[in-house]
Amino acid sequence: MSKYDPLWKHLQTDGSPTLRLTFEEIEVILGFPIDHSFLTYKKEAAEYGYKVGKISMKEQHVTFTKTDE
């Protein structure tokens, strides 16, 4: 089990083709702020039908896109 599982399950439950979450929204979902380790874990999103798209440090958001799998 990954520390990011609550986020991946949130994406799967939402089911939107594209979902943009702010760092603050992600912190609420996870219970902790994302940090540089997110880059290591982002590949796990594929197991839940999503890929991590743009990560904007300036605008403080992450865009997730549903995969065709």
Protein backbone atom coordinates (compact mmCIF):
# COMPACT_ATOMS: atom_id res chain seq x y z
CA MET A 1 0.00 0.00 0.00
CA SER A 2 1.31 3.40 -1.03
CA LYS A 3 0.98 6.60 0.95
CA TYR A 4 -0.70 8.03 -2.17
CA ASP A 5 -3.43 5.35 -2.38
CA PRO A 6 -6.14 7.72 -1.07
CA LEU A 7 -5.39 10.09 -3.96
CA TRP A 8 -5.45 7.34 -6.58
CA LYS A 9 -8.73 5.98 -5.19
CA HIS A 10 -10.18 9.52 -5.26
CA LEU A 11 -9.32 9.79 -8.96
CA GLN A 12 -10.84 6.39 -9.69
CA THR A 13 -14.03 7.27 -7.82
CA ASP A 14 -14.33 10.63 -9.58
CA GLY A 15 -13.95 9.05 -13.01
CA SER A 16 -13.57 12.35 -14.89
CA PRO A 17 -11.60 12.23 -18.17
CA THR A 18 -9.42 15.08 -16.90
CA LEU A 19 -9.14 16.24 -13.33
CA ARG A 20 -7.16 19.20 -12.04
CA LEU A 21 -6.52 19.30 -8.31
CA THR A 22 -4.73 22.02 -6.39
CA PHE A 23 -1.95 21.11 -3.99
CA GLU A 24 -4.33 22.17 -1.21
CA GLU A 25 -7.08 19.80 -2.42
CA ILE A 26 -4.56 16.97 -2.65
CA GLU A 27 -3.42 17.70 0.91
CA VAL A 28 -7.02 17.43 2.13
CA ILE A 29 -7.45 14.07 0.35
CA LEU A 30 -4.15 12.67 1.63
CA GLY A 31 -3.92 14.29 5.03
CA PHE A 32 -0.43 15.58 4.24
CA PRO A 33 1.11 17.90 1.62
CA ILE A 34 2.67 16.43 -1.50
CA ASP A 35 6.42 16.79 -1.77
CA HIS A 36 9.20 15.81 -4.18
CA SER A 37 8.54 12.10 -3.47
CA PHE A 38 5.30 12.50 -5.48
CA LEU A 39 7.44 12.31 -8.61
CA THR A 40 8.50 8.79 -7.62
CA TYR A 41 4.98 7.64 -6.82
CA LYS A 42 3.13 9.25 -9.73
CA LYS A 43 3.49 6.12 -11.89
CA GLU A 44 1.13 4.33 -9.47
CA ALA A 45 -1.78 6.37 -10.87
CA ALA A 46 -1.78 4.06 -13.91
CA GLU A 47 -2.98 1.19 -11.72
CA TYR A 48 -6.14 3.26 -11.10
CA GLY A 49 -6.69 4.27 -14.72
CA TYR A 50 -4.98 7.68 -14.68
CA LYS A 51 -1.72 9.30 -15.60
CA VAL A 52 -0.19 12.35 -14.00
CA GLY A 53 -0.01 15.15 -16.51
CA LYS A 54 1.14 18.67 -15.83
CA ILE A 55 2.49 19.52 -12.39
CA SER A 56 2.50 23.30 -12.03
CA MET A 57 4.65 24.56 -9.19
CA LYS A 58 3.75 28.15 -10.04
CA GLU A 59 -0.02 27.61 -10.06
CA GLN A 60 0.15 24.87 -7.40
CA HIS A 61 -1.92 22.24 -9.21
CA VAL A 62 -1.64 18.80 -10.76
CA THR A 63 -3.59 17.64 -13.83
CA PHE A 64 -4.59 13.98 -14.08
CA THR A 65 -5.82 12.36 -17.29
CA LYS A 66 -7.81 9.14 -17.57
CA THR A 67 -6.06 6.46 -19.60
CA ASP A 68 -7.77 4.22 -22.13
CA GLU A 69 -6.93 1.07 -20.17
